[in-house]
Amino acid sequence: MNSNQTLIAKSNAFKKLIFSLLLLCAFSSFAQVGIGTQNPKTTLDVVGVAGDTPGALNTIDGIAVPVVTENMTTTAIDGSKISQLVYSNNAASTGFYFWNGAAWTNLSRYSVTLDATPKDSDLKVGNVQEKVVRLSGTADGITAHINLGTTVLGANSVGNFRKAIIYHGTSDHIVMESTGAYDPATNKFVTGNGMMNVRLPAATYKVELYYTE
């Protein structure tokens, strides 16, 4: 091998070395990505304003996902990848939904079993046990109330009414948590947040009433 051939061989070897180093750097750069941190511990590591050490909540902390207006319980639009996440602001399907490969699934969904018999909740108010009943109710879409069809709370219970959680009648996802009021004279629950009444779309709902006696 003459001097020119030796020089070319060394040049090619050097180019291969540089290419390998660049490839390695590129791989390392994309192996883990940190947002708000220079020391990512996972594929994507997002930290808040406080940095790597947990701290108080800041108003800009968090991850925002796409907000959609679709009713996720009836939409014909499929997801494109398992684990895809969106937030629906549709009144009939408010909440987070992920694509499981076959359907959109509510992230907080669980089965709500109707039971008009008062049960103990997981909370005590002072030394008084909170109670809960789970009833089916219908909204007419015109007035801000849900017709529960039957008297469930006595006068004392009504006076100590605490809140209601309203679920979609078939999907069991949470539609709203309300501090409205129960009216034993009409067997209706007035939906609202304590400041204004909220009119729900005409549908059947499951309503959890929380109160003390």
N, C-alpha and C. Protein backbone atom coordinates (compact mmCIF):
# COMPACT_ATOMS: atom_id res chain seq x y z
N MET A 1 0.86 -1.19 0.00
CA MET A 1 0.00 0.00 0.00
C MET A 1 0.89 1.24 0.00
N ASN A 2 0.67 2.14 -0.98
CA ASN A 2 1.49 3.34 -1.05
C ASN A 2 0.96 4.40 -0.09
N SER A 3 1.65 5.53 -0.06
CA SER A 3 1.31 6.57 0.90
C SER A 3 -0.07 7.15 0.65
N ASN A 4 -0.46 7.30 -0.63
CA ASN A 4 -1.79 7.83 -0.95
C ASN A 4 -2.91 6.90 -0.49
N GLN A 5 -2.66 5.59 -0.75
CA GLN A 5 -3.67 4.61 -0.32
C GLN A 5 -3.79 4.58 1.21
N THR A 6 -2.68 4.71 1.87
CA THR A 6 -2.68 4.72 3.34
C THR A 6 -3.44 5.93 3.87
N LEU A 7 -3.23 7.09 3.22
CA LEU A 7 -3.91 8.31 3.63
C LEU A 7 -5.42 8.20 3.43
N ILE A 8 -5.82 7.60 2.29
CA ILE A 8 -7.25 7.43 2.01
C ILE A 8 -7.89 6.47 3.02
N ALA A 9 -7.18 5.40 3.34
CA ALA A 9 -7.69 4.41 4.29
C ALA A 9 -7.88 5.04 5.67
N LYS A 10 -6.88 5.86 6.08
CA LYS A 10 -6.97 6.53 7.38
C LYS A 10 -8.14 7.53 7.38
N SER A 11 -8.31 8.21 6.23
CA SER A 11 -9.40 9.19 6.12
C SER A 11 -10.76 8.50 6.23
N ASN A 12 -10.90 7.35 5.57
CA ASN A 12 -12.15 6.61 5.62
C ASN A 12 -12.44 6.09 7.03
N ALA A 13 -11.40 5.62 7.68
CA ALA A 13 -11.54 5.12 9.05
C ALA A 13 -11.96 6.24 10.00
N PHE A 14 -11.37 7.44 9.78
CA PHE A 14 -11.71 8.59 10.62
C PHE A 14 -13.17 9.00 10.40
N LYS A 15 -13.61 8.98 9.12
CA LYS A 15 -14.99 9.32 8.81
C LYS A 15 -15.96 8.35 9.48
N LYS A 16 -15.61 7.06 9.46
CA LYS A 16 -16.47 6.06 10.09
C LYS A 16 -16.55 6.28 11.60
N LEU A 17 -15.40 6.67 12.18
CA LEU A 17 -15.37 6.93 13.62
C LEU A 17 -16.25 8.12 13.97
N ILE A 18 -16.13 9.21 13.19
CA ILE A 18 -16.94 10.40 13.43
C ILE A 18 -18.43 10.09 13.28
N PHE A 19 -18.77 9.32 12.22
CA PHE A 19 -20.16 8.94 11.99
C PHE A 19 -20.70 8.13 13.16
N SER A 20 -19.89 7.19 13.65
CA SER A 20 -20.31 6.35 14.78
C SER A 20 -20.54 7.19 16.03
N LEU A 21 -19.64 8.16 16.27
CA LEU A 21 -19.78 9.02 17.44
C LEU A 21 -21.03 9.89 17.34
N LEU A 22 -21.27 10.44 16.14
CA LEU A 22 -22.47 11.25 15.94
C LEU A 22 -23.74 10.43 16.13
N LEU A 23 -23.72 9.20 15.63
CA LEU A 23 -24.87 8.32 15.77
C LEU A 23 -25.12 8.00 17.23
N LEU A 24 -24.03 7.77 17.97
CA LEU A 24 -24.14 7.47 19.39
C LEU A 24 -24.70 8.67 20.15
N CYS A 25 -24.22 9.86 19.81
CA CYS A 25 -24.71 11.07 20.46
C CYS A 25 -26.20 11.29 20.17
N ALA A 26 -26.57 11.06 18.93
CA ALA A 26 -27.98 11.24 18.55
C ALA A 26 -28.86 10.27 19.32
N PHE A 27 -28.41 9.02 19.43
CA PHE A 27 -29.17 8.01 20.17
C PHE A 27 -29.30 8.40 21.63
N SER A 28 -28.18 8.88 22.21
CA SER A 28 -28.20 9.27 23.62
C SER A 28 -29.11 10.46 23.85
N SER A 29 -29.14 11.38 22.86
CA SER A 29 -29.95 12.58 23.01
C SER A 29 -31.43 12.26 23.04
N PHE A 30 -31.86 11.26 22.28
CA PHE A 30 -33.27 10.94 22.18
C PHE A 30 -33.70 9.78 23.07
N ALA A 31 -32.76 9.16 23.78
CA ALA A 31 -33.10 8.03 24.64
C ALA A 31 -33.96 8.50 25.81
N GLN A 32 -33.64 9.67 26.38
CA GLN A 32 -34.39 10.24 27.48
C GLN A 32 -34.50 11.74 27.27
N VAL A 33 -35.70 12.27 27.45
CA VAL A 33 -35.93 13.70 27.26
C VAL A 33 -36.45 14.28 28.56
N GLY A 34 -35.84 15.36 28.99
CA GLY A 34 -36.26 16.02 30.21
C GLY A 34 -36.83 17.40 29.92
N ILE A 35 -37.97 17.72 30.53
CA ILE A 35 -38.56 19.05 30.44
C ILE A 35 -38.56 19.65 31.84
N GLY A 36 -37.78 20.70 32.02
CA GLY A 36 -37.65 21.30 33.34
C GLY A 36 -36.59 20.63 34.19
N THR A 37 -35.89 19.65 33.61
CA THR A 37 -34.83 18.95 34.34
C THR A 37 -33.72 18.56 33.38
N GLN A 38 -32.50 18.56 33.88
CA GLN A 38 -31.35 18.12 33.08
C GLN A 38 -30.99 16.68 33.39
N ASN A 39 -31.77 16.06 34.26
CA ASN A 39 -31.50 14.67 34.65
C ASN A 39 -32.75 13.81 34.50
N PRO A 40 -33.22 13.60 33.27
CA PRO A 40 -34.44 12.79 33.08
C PRO A 40 -34.22 11.35 33.53
N LYS A 41 -35.23 10.82 34.19
CA LYS A 41 -35.14 9.46 34.72
C LYS A 41 -35.95 8.48 33.88
N THR A 42 -36.78 8.99 32.97
CA THR A 42 -37.61 8.14 32.13
C THR A 42 -37.52 8.63 30.68
N THR A 43 -38.22 7.95 29.78
CA THR A 43 -38.20 8.34 28.37
C THR A 43 -38.59 9.81 28.22
N LEU A 44 -39.65 10.23 28.93
CA LEU A 44 -40.02 11.64 29.00
C LEU A 44 -40.24 11.97 30.46
N ASP A 45 -39.44 12.89 30.98
CA ASP A 45 -39.50 13.26 32.39
C ASP A 45 -39.85 14.74 32.49
N VAL A 46 -41.08 15.03 32.94
CA VAL A 46 -41.53 16.42 33.05
C VAL A 46 -41.61 16.79 34.52
N VAL A 47 -40.95 17.88 34.90
CA VAL A 47 -41.01 18.35 36.29
C VAL A 47 -41.59 19.75 36.31
N GLY A 48 -42.07 20.15 37.48
CA GLY A 48 -42.70 21.45 37.62
C GLY A 48 -41.69 22.55 37.90
N VAL A 49 -42.22 23.69 38.28
CA VAL A 49 -41.38 24.86 38.55
C VAL A 49 -40.39 24.58 39.67
N ALA A 50 -40.79 23.74 40.62
CA ALA A 50 -39.92 23.45 41.76
C ALA A 50 -38.68 22.64 41.36
N GLY A 51 -38.67 22.07 40.16
CA GLY A 51 -37.51 21.30 39.72
C GLY A 51 -37.59 19.85 40.14
N ASP A 52 -36.42 19.20 40.23
CA ASP A 52 -36.38 17.77 40.53
C ASP A 52 -36.91 17.45 41.92
N THR A 53 -36.81 18.40 42.85
CA THR A 53 -37.30 18.18 44.21
C THR A 53 -38.76 18.59 44.29
N PRO A 54 -39.66 17.71 44.72
CA PRO A 54 -41.08 18.08 44.80
C PRO A 54 -41.29 19.35 45.61
N GLY A 55 -42.19 20.19 45.14
CA GLY A 55 -42.46 21.45 45.82
C GLY A 55 -43.91 21.83 45.71
N ALA A 56 -44.22 23.06 46.11
CA ALA A 56 -45.60 23.54 46.08
C ALA A 56 -46.09 23.66 44.64
N LEU A 57 -47.40 23.51 44.47
CA LEU A 57 -48.02 23.62 43.16
C LEU A 57 -47.90 25.04 42.64
N ASN A 58 -47.49 25.17 41.38
CA ASN A 58 -47.45 26.45 40.70
C ASN A 58 -48.57 26.47 39.65
N THR A 59 -49.09 27.63 39.35
CA THR A 59 -50.21 27.70 38.42
C THR A 59 -49.87 27.18 37.02
N ILE A 60 -48.59 27.15 36.66
CA ILE A 60 -48.22 26.67 35.32
C ILE A 60 -47.75 25.22 35.35
N ASP A 61 -47.73 24.58 36.52
CA ASP A 61 -47.35 23.18 36.59
C ASP A 61 -48.41 22.31 35.91
N GLY A 62 -47.97 21.21 35.30
CA GLY A 62 -48.92 20.26 34.73
C GLY A 62 -48.69 20.02 33.25
N ILE A 63 -49.41 19.05 32.72
CA ILE A 63 -49.34 18.69 31.30
C ILE A 63 -50.73 18.87 30.71
N ALA A 64 -50.84 19.62 29.63
CA ALA A 64 -52.14 19.84 28.97
C ALA A 64 -52.24 18.93 27.75
N VAL A 65 -53.35 18.19 27.67
CA VAL A 65 -53.59 17.31 26.52
C VAL A 65 -54.66 17.96 25.64
N PRO A 66 -54.84 17.49 24.40
CA PRO A 66 -55.85 18.09 23.52
C PRO A 66 -57.25 18.04 24.13
N VAL A 67 -57.98 19.16 24.02
CA VAL A 67 -59.37 19.24 24.47
C VAL A 67 -60.28 19.11 23.25
N VAL A 68 -61.24 18.18 23.31
CA VAL A 68 -62.13 17.93 22.18
C VAL A 68 -63.57 18.18 22.60
N THR A 69 -64.42 18.45 21.63
CA THR A 69 -65.84 18.70 21.91
C THR A 69 -66.72 17.49 21.65
N GLU A 70 -66.11 16.38 21.23
CA GLU A 70 -66.87 15.17 20.91
C GLU A 70 -67.52 14.56 22.16
N ASN A 71 -68.69 13.95 21.98
CA ASN A 71 -69.25 13.07 22.99
C ASN A 71 -68.50 11.76 22.86
N MET A 72 -67.60 11.48 23.79
CA MET A 72 -66.71 10.33 23.66
C MET A 72 -67.42 9.00 23.87
N THR A 73 -68.66 9.03 24.35
CA THR A 73 -69.41 7.78 24.54
C THR A 73 -70.11 7.35 23.26
N THR A 74 -70.20 8.25 22.28
CA THR A 74 -70.90 7.92 21.04
C THR A 74 -70.08 8.21 19.79
N THR A 75 -68.92 8.82 19.90
CA THR A 75 -68.15 9.22 18.73
C THR A 75 -67.77 8.02 17.87
N ALA A 76 -67.77 8.24 16.55
CA ALA A 76 -67.37 7.20 15.60
C ALA A 76 -65.91 7.36 15.20
N ILE A 77 -65.23 8.34 15.78
CA ILE A 77 -63.83 8.61 15.44
C ILE A 77 -62.92 7.76 16.31
N ASP A 78 -62.12 6.90 15.68
CA ASP A 78 -61.20 6.04 16.42
C ASP A 78 -59.90 6.77 16.73
N GLY A 79 -59.19 6.27 17.72
CA GLY A 79 -57.85 6.76 18.00
C GLY A 79 -56.87 6.14 17.03
N SER A 80 -55.63 6.65 17.05
CA SER A 80 -54.61 6.14 16.12
C SER A 80 -53.54 5.31 16.81
N LYS A 81 -53.49 5.37 18.14
CA LYS A 81 -52.46 4.61 18.86
C LYS A 81 -52.95 4.31 20.27
N ILE A 82 -52.71 3.09 20.73
CA ILE A 82 -53.07 2.71 22.09
C ILE A 82 -52.38 3.64 23.08
N SER A 83 -53.11 4.11 24.06
CA SER A 83 -52.68 5.04 25.12
C SER A 83 -52.89 6.50 24.75
N GLN A 84 -53.36 6.78 23.54
CA GLN A 84 -53.67 8.16 23.13
C GLN A 84 -54.64 8.78 24.13
N LEU A 85 -54.39 10.01 24.55
CA LEU A 85 -55.16 10.64 25.62
C LEU A 85 -55.74 11.98 25.16
N VAL A 86 -57.02 12.21 25.47
CA VAL A 86 -57.67 13.49 25.18
C VAL A 86 -58.56 13.85 26.37
N TYR A 87 -59.01 15.11 26.38
CA TYR A 87 -59.98 15.56 27.38
C TYR A 87 -61.22 16.06 26.65
N SER A 88 -62.37 15.53 27.01
CA SER A 88 -63.64 15.94 26.40
C SER A 88 -64.33 16.97 27.29
N ASN A 89 -64.73 18.09 26.67
CA ASN A 89 -65.51 19.08 27.43
C ASN A 89 -66.99 19.02 27.06
N ASN A 90 -67.38 17.93 26.39
CA ASN A 90 -68.78 17.73 26.06
C ASN A 90 -69.56 17.43 27.34
N ALA A 91 -70.73 18.04 27.51
CA ALA A 91 -71.50 17.88 28.75
C ALA A 91 -71.89 16.42 29.00
N ALA A 92 -71.99 15.62 27.94
CA ALA A 92 -72.40 14.22 28.09
C ALA A 92 -71.21 13.29 28.35
N SER A 93 -69.99 13.80 28.28
CA SER A 93 -68.83 12.91 28.44
C SER A 93 -67.62 13.65 29.00
N THR A 94 -67.84 14.60 29.89
CA THR A 94 -66.74 15.41 30.41
C THR A 94 -65.72 14.54 31.14
N GLY A 95 -64.44 14.71 30.77
CA GLY A 95 -63.38 13.97 31.45
C GLY A 95 -62.29 13.52 30.51
N PHE A 96 -61.30 12.80 31.07
CA PHE A 96 -60.18 12.27 30.29
C PHE A 96 -60.56 10.91 29.69
N TYR A 97 -60.16 10.70 28.43
CA TYR A 97 -60.41 9.43 27.75
C TYR A 97 -59.13 8.96 27.07
N PHE A 98 -58.88 7.65 27.12
CA PHE A 98 -57.73 7.09 26.41
C PHE A 98 -58.20 6.02 25.43
N TRP A 99 -57.45 5.86 24.35
CA TRP A 99 -57.77 4.88 23.32
C TRP A 99 -57.13 3.56 23.69
N ASN A 100 -57.93 2.50 23.87
CA ASN A 100 -57.40 1.20 24.29
C ASN A 100 -57.16 0.24 23.13
N GLY A 101 -57.28 0.78 21.91
CA GLY A 101 -57.08 -0.04 20.73
C GLY A 101 -58.39 -0.44 20.08
N ALA A 102 -59.48 -0.34 20.84
CA ALA A 102 -60.79 -0.70 20.31
C ALA A 102 -61.86 0.34 20.61
N ALA A 103 -61.68 1.09 21.70
CA ALA A 103 -62.69 2.08 22.10
C ALA A 103 -62.06 3.14 22.98
N TRP A 104 -62.74 4.29 23.07
CA TRP A 104 -62.33 5.34 23.99
C TRP A 104 -62.85 4.99 25.38
N THR A 105 -61.97 5.01 26.37
CA THR A 105 -62.31 4.59 27.72
C THR A 105 -62.10 5.74 28.70
N ASN A 106 -63.11 5.99 29.53
CA ASN A 106 -62.99 7.06 30.53
C ASN A 106 -61.93 6.69 31.55
N LEU A 107 -61.06 7.64 31.84
CA LEU A 107 -59.93 7.37 32.72
C LEU A 107 -60.37 7.14 34.16
N SER A 108 -61.49 7.76 34.55
CA SER A 108 -61.94 7.64 35.94
C SER A 108 -63.18 6.78 36.09
N ARG A 109 -63.46 6.00 35.06
CA ARG A 109 -64.71 5.23 35.07
C ARG A 109 -64.68 4.10 36.09
N TYR A 110 -65.78 3.94 36.81
CA TYR A 110 -65.98 2.75 37.62
C TYR A 110 -67.48 2.48 37.67
N SER A 111 -67.83 1.29 38.07
CA SER A 111 -69.23 0.89 38.03
C SER A 111 -69.99 1.48 39.21
N VAL A 112 -71.11 2.13 38.93
CA VAL A 112 -71.97 2.71 39.96
C VAL A 112 -73.22 1.85 40.09
N THR A 113 -73.38 1.20 41.23
CA THR A 113 -74.52 0.33 41.47
C THR A 113 -75.61 1.10 42.20
N LEU A 114 -76.81 1.14 41.62
CA LEU A 114 -77.91 1.86 42.24
C LEU A 114 -78.33 1.19 43.54
N ASP A 115 -78.56 2.00 44.57
CA ASP A 115 -78.97 1.47 45.87
C ASP A 115 -79.63 2.59 46.66
N ALA A 116 -80.94 2.51 46.81
CA ALA A 116 -81.68 3.55 47.52
C ALA A 116 -81.58 3.41 49.03
N THR A 117 -80.97 2.33 49.50
CA THR A 117 -80.78 2.15 50.94
C THR A 117 -79.55 2.92 51.38
N PRO A 118 -79.67 3.82 52.36
CA PRO A 118 -78.52 4.61 52.80
C PRO A 118 -77.36 3.73 53.27
N LYS A 119 -76.17 4.08 52.83
CA LYS A 119 -74.95 3.38 53.22
C LYS A 119 -73.96 4.39 53.80
N ASP A 120 -73.04 3.92 54.63
CA ASP A 120 -71.99 4.79 55.14
C ASP A 120 -71.02 5.12 54.02
N SER A 121 -70.64 6.40 53.91
CA SER A 121 -69.60 6.77 52.95
C SER A 121 -68.24 6.59 53.62
N ASP A 122 -67.19 7.06 52.98
CA ASP A 122 -65.85 6.94 53.55
C ASP A 122 -65.47 8.15 54.40
N LEU A 123 -66.45 8.99 54.71
CA LEU A 123 -66.15 10.24 55.39
C LEU A 123 -66.99 10.42 56.63
N LYS A 124 -66.38 11.03 57.66
CA LYS A 124 -67.11 11.47 58.83
C LYS A 124 -67.03 12.99 58.91
N VAL A 125 -68.15 13.63 59.23
CA VAL A 125 -68.19 15.08 59.38
C VAL A 125 -68.21 15.37 60.87
N GLY A 126 -67.06 15.75 61.40
CA GLY A 126 -66.92 15.81 62.85
C GLY A 126 -66.98 14.40 63.38
N ASN A 127 -67.95 14.11 64.23
CA ASN A 127 -68.15 12.74 64.72
C ASN A 127 -69.38 12.09 64.10
N VAL A 128 -69.92 12.72 63.06
CA VAL A 128 -71.15 12.21 62.44
C VAL A 128 -70.80 11.50 61.13
N GLN A 129 -71.30 10.28 60.98
CA GLN A 129 -71.04 9.51 59.78
C GLN A 129 -71.83 10.06 58.59
N GLU A 130 -71.14 10.29 57.50
CA GLU A 130 -71.82 10.71 56.28
C GLU A 130 -72.48 9.50 55.62
N LYS A 131 -73.66 9.73 55.03
CA LYS A 131 -74.41 8.69 54.35
C LYS A 131 -74.46 8.97 52.85
N VAL A 132 -74.72 7.92 52.07
CA VAL A 132 -74.85 8.08 50.63
C VAL A 132 -75.92 7.13 50.11
N VAL A 133 -76.73 7.62 49.17
CA VAL A 133 -77.68 6.78 48.44
C VAL A 133 -77.40 6.98 46.95
N ARG A 134 -77.67 5.96 46.15
CA ARG A 134 -77.41 6.01 44.71
C ARG A 134 -78.70 5.72 43.96
N LEU A 135 -79.18 6.72 43.22
CA LEU A 135 -80.50 6.63 42.59
C LEU A 135 -80.42 6.92 41.10
N SER A 136 -81.41 6.42 40.39
CA SER A 136 -81.55 6.75 38.97
C SER A 136 -82.43 7.99 38.86
N GLY A 137 -82.06 8.90 37.97
CA GLY A 137 -82.84 10.10 37.78
C GLY A 137 -82.84 10.54 36.33
N THR A 138 -83.80 11.36 35.95
CA THR A 138 -83.89 11.84 34.58
C THR A 138 -83.90 13.36 34.55
N ALA A 139 -83.22 13.91 33.55
CA ALA A 139 -83.22 15.35 33.31
C ALA A 139 -83.99 15.61 32.02
N ASP A 140 -84.76 16.71 32.00
CA ASP A 140 -85.56 17.00 30.80
C ASP A 140 -84.84 17.91 29.82
N GLY A 141 -83.66 18.41 30.19
CA GLY A 141 -82.89 19.27 29.30
C GLY A 141 -83.40 20.69 29.24
N ILE A 142 -84.48 20.98 29.97
CA ILE A 142 -85.09 22.32 29.95
C ILE A 142 -84.91 23.01 31.30
N THR A 143 -85.17 22.28 32.36
CA THR A 143 -85.03 22.84 33.70
C THR A 143 -83.75 22.30 34.36
N ALA A 144 -83.31 23.00 35.40
CA ALA A 144 -82.05 22.62 36.06
C ALA A 144 -82.31 21.67 37.22
N HIS A 145 -82.92 20.55 36.92
CA HIS A 145 -83.12 19.57 37.98
C HIS A 145 -83.14 18.15 37.41
N ILE A 146 -82.96 17.19 38.29
CA ILE A 146 -83.06 15.78 37.95
C ILE A 146 -84.19 15.18 38.77
N ASN A 147 -85.12 14.56 38.10
CA ASN A 147 -86.26 13.95 38.76
C ASN A 147 -85.85 12.57 39.27
N LEU A 148 -85.85 12.40 40.59
CA LEU A 148 -85.42 11.14 41.19
C LEU A 148 -86.59 10.18 41.39
N GLY A 149 -87.81 10.67 41.26
CA GLY A 149 -88.97 9.79 41.25
C GLY A 149 -89.45 9.29 42.57
N THR A 150 -88.66 9.40 43.64
CA THR A 150 -89.09 8.88 44.93
C THR A 150 -88.43 9.66 46.05
N THR A 151 -89.11 9.77 47.17
CA THR A 151 -88.55 10.46 48.33
C THR A 151 -87.49 9.57 48.99
N VAL A 152 -86.32 10.11 49.18
CA VAL A 152 -85.24 9.30 49.75
C VAL A 152 -84.66 9.90 51.02
N LEU A 153 -84.78 11.22 51.18
CA LEU A 153 -84.19 11.86 52.35
C LEU A 153 -85.26 12.49 53.21
N GLY A 154 -85.15 12.28 54.52
CA GLY A 154 -86.06 12.93 55.44
C GLY A 154 -85.71 14.40 55.63
N ALA A 155 -86.55 15.12 56.36
CA ALA A 155 -86.36 16.56 56.53
C ALA A 155 -85.00 16.88 57.18
N ASN A 156 -84.63 16.11 58.17
CA ASN A 156 -83.36 16.36 58.85
C ASN A 156 -82.19 16.11 57.91
N SER A 157 -82.31 15.07 57.09
CA SER A 157 -81.24 14.76 56.14
C SER A 157 -81.10 15.87 55.10
N VAL A 158 -82.24 16.40 54.66
CA VAL A 158 -82.21 17.48 53.67
C VAL A 158 -81.48 18.69 54.24
N GLY A 159 -81.73 18.96 55.52
CA GLY A 159 -81.06 20.09 56.16
C GLY A 159 -79.57 19.91 56.26
N ASN A 160 -79.11 18.66 56.21
CA ASN A 160 -77.68 18.36 56.30
C ASN A 160 -77.15 17.81 54.98
N PHE A 161 -77.82 18.15 53.89
CA PHE A 161 -77.36 17.71 52.57
C PHE A 161 -75.99 18.32 52.28
N ARG A 162 -75.08 17.50 51.71
CA ARG A 162 -73.71 17.96 51.52
C ARG A 162 -73.34 18.14 50.05
N LYS A 163 -73.63 17.16 49.22
CA LYS A 163 -73.29 17.27 47.80
C LYS A 163 -73.91 16.12 47.04
N ALA A 164 -73.80 16.18 45.72
CA ALA A 164 -74.22 15.08 44.85
C ALA A 164 -73.16 14.87 43.78
N ILE A 165 -72.94 13.63 43.41
CA ILE A 165 -72.09 13.31 42.26
C ILE A 165 -73.00 12.67 41.22
N ILE A 166 -72.98 13.24 40.02
CA ILE A 166 -73.89 12.81 38.96
C ILE A 166 -73.10 12.08 37.88
N TYR A 167 -73.55 10.87 37.53
CA TYR A 167 -72.88 10.02 36.56
C TYR A 167 -73.75 9.85 35.31
N HIS A 168 -73.10 9.64 34.19
CA HIS A 168 -73.84 9.29 32.97
C HIS A 168 -74.55 7.97 33.21
N GLY A 169 -75.77 7.86 32.72
CA GLY A 169 -76.60 6.69 33.03
C GLY A 169 -76.09 5.37 32.51
N THR A 170 -75.32 5.38 31.41
CA THR A 170 -74.85 4.12 30.84
C THR A 170 -73.34 3.94 30.92
N SER A 171 -72.59 5.02 30.78
CA SER A 171 -71.13 4.88 30.79
C SER A 171 -70.53 4.99 32.18
N ASP A 172 -71.32 5.51 33.15
CA ASP A 172 -70.89 5.67 34.54
C ASP A 172 -69.74 6.67 34.71
N HIS A 173 -69.44 7.49 33.72
CA HIS A 173 -68.42 8.51 33.94
C HIS A 173 -69.06 9.70 34.66
N ILE A 174 -68.23 10.44 35.40
CA ILE A 174 -68.73 11.57 36.18
C ILE A 174 -69.10 12.72 35.26
N VAL A 175 -70.34 13.18 35.35
CA VAL A 175 -70.81 14.33 34.58
C VAL A 175 -70.52 15.62 35.35
N MET A 176 -70.82 15.61 36.64
CA MET A 176 -70.53 16.78 37.45
C MET A 176 -70.63 16.43 38.93
N GLU A 177 -69.93 17.21 39.75
CA GLU A 177 -70.08 17.14 41.20
C GLU A 177 -70.78 18.42 41.59
N SER A 178 -71.90 18.29 42.27
CA SER A 178 -72.78 19.43 42.47
C SER A 178 -73.04 19.68 43.95
N THR A 179 -73.10 20.96 44.31
CA THR A 179 -73.51 21.35 45.65
C THR A 179 -74.91 21.94 45.61
N GLY A 180 -75.72 21.39 44.71
CA GLY A 180 -77.09 21.87 44.54
C GLY A 180 -77.96 21.52 45.75
N ALA A 181 -79.23 21.25 45.53
CA ALA A 181 -80.14 21.02 46.64
C ALA A 181 -81.17 19.95 46.28
N TYR A 182 -81.53 19.17 47.29
CA TYR A 182 -82.57 18.16 47.12
C TYR A 182 -83.88 18.70 47.68
N ASP A 183 -84.96 18.58 46.91
CA ASP A 183 -86.27 19.05 47.31
C ASP A 183 -87.18 17.85 47.58
N PRO A 184 -87.45 17.53 48.85
CA PRO A 184 -88.27 16.35 49.16
C PRO A 184 -89.71 16.50 48.73
N ALA A 185 -90.19 17.73 48.55
CA ALA A 185 -91.59 17.94 48.15
C ALA A 185 -91.84 17.49 46.72
N THR A 186 -90.83 17.63 45.87
CA THR A 186 -90.98 17.26 44.46
C THR A 186 -90.13 16.06 44.07
N ASN A 187 -89.31 15.58 45.01
CA ASN A 187 -88.39 14.47 44.75
C ASN A 187 -87.42 14.79 43.60
N LYS A 188 -86.97 16.04 43.58
CA LYS A 188 -86.05 16.47 42.54
C LYS A 188 -84.76 17.00 43.15
N PHE A 189 -83.69 16.79 42.42
CA PHE A 189 -82.41 17.36 42.82
C PHE A 189 -82.10 18.51 41.88
N VAL A 190 -81.88 19.70 42.43
CA VAL A 190 -81.56 20.88 41.63
C VAL A 190 -80.05 20.92 41.44
N THR A 191 -79.61 20.83 40.20
CA THR A 191 -78.18 20.80 39.91
C THR A 191 -77.61 22.21 39.93
N GLY A 192 -76.43 22.34 40.51
CA GLY A 192 -75.78 23.64 40.58
C GLY A 192 -74.51 23.57 41.38
N ASN A 193 -73.83 24.70 41.48
CA ASN A 193 -72.56 24.75 42.20
C ASN A 193 -72.63 25.69 43.40
N GLY A 194 -73.84 25.99 43.84
CA GLY A 194 -74.00 26.89 44.97
C GLY A 194 -74.16 28.34 44.55
N MET A 195 -73.74 28.67 43.34
CA MET A 195 -73.84 30.04 42.83
C MET A 195 -74.87 30.14 41.70
N MET A 196 -74.91 29.13 40.85
CA MET A 196 -75.87 29.14 39.75
C MET A 196 -76.30 27.72 39.44
N ASN A 197 -77.52 27.58 38.93
CA ASN A 197 -78.03 26.27 38.55
C ASN A 197 -77.45 25.87 37.20
N VAL A 198 -77.34 24.56 36.99
CA VAL A 198 -76.75 24.02 35.76
C VAL A 198 -77.77 23.10 35.09
N ARG A 199 -78.07 23.35 33.84
CA ARG A 199 -79.03 22.52 33.10
C ARG A 199 -78.27 21.43 32.37
N LEU A 200 -78.61 20.19 32.65
CA LEU A 200 -77.97 19.05 32.00
C LEU A 200 -78.77 18.63 30.77
N PRO A 201 -78.12 18.00 29.79
CA PRO A 201 -78.85 17.49 28.62
C PRO A 201 -79.89 16.46 29.04
N ALA A 202 -80.97 16.38 28.29
CA ALA A 202 -82.02 15.40 28.58
C ALA A 202 -81.43 14.00 28.49
N ALA A 203 -81.49 13.27 29.58
CA ALA A 203 -80.90 11.92 29.63
C ALA A 203 -81.22 11.29 30.98
N THR A 204 -80.86 10.03 31.11
CA THR A 204 -80.96 9.33 32.38
C THR A 204 -79.59 9.35 33.06
N TYR A 205 -79.57 9.63 34.35
CA TYR A 205 -78.33 9.75 35.09
C TYR A 205 -78.38 8.87 36.34
N LYS A 206 -77.21 8.64 36.91
CA LYS A 206 -77.12 8.02 38.23
C LYS A 206 -76.65 9.10 39.19
N VAL A 207 -77.36 9.23 40.30
CA VAL A 207 -77.10 10.34 41.21
C VAL A 207 -76.74 9.79 42.59
N GLU A 208 -75.57 10.18 43.10
CA GLU A 208 -75.17 9.88 44.47
C GLU A 208 -75.47 11.09 45.34
N LEU A 209 -76.27 10.91 46.37
CA LEU A 209 -76.59 11.99 47.31
C LEU A 209 -75.84 11.73 48.61
N TYR A 210 -75.09 12.72 49.05
CA TYR A 210 -74.31 12.62 50.30
C TYR A 210 -74.93 13.55 51.35
N TYR A 211 -75.11 13.04 52.55
CA TYR A 211 -75.75 13.83 53.61
C TYR A 211 -75.42 13.24 54.96
N THR A 212 -75.75 13.99 56.01
CA THR A 212 -75.65 13.46 57.37
C THR A 212 -77.03 13.53 58.00
N GLU A 213 -77.21 12.77 59.06
CA GLU A 213 -78.52 12.74 59.72
C GLU A 213 -78.43 13.40 61.09
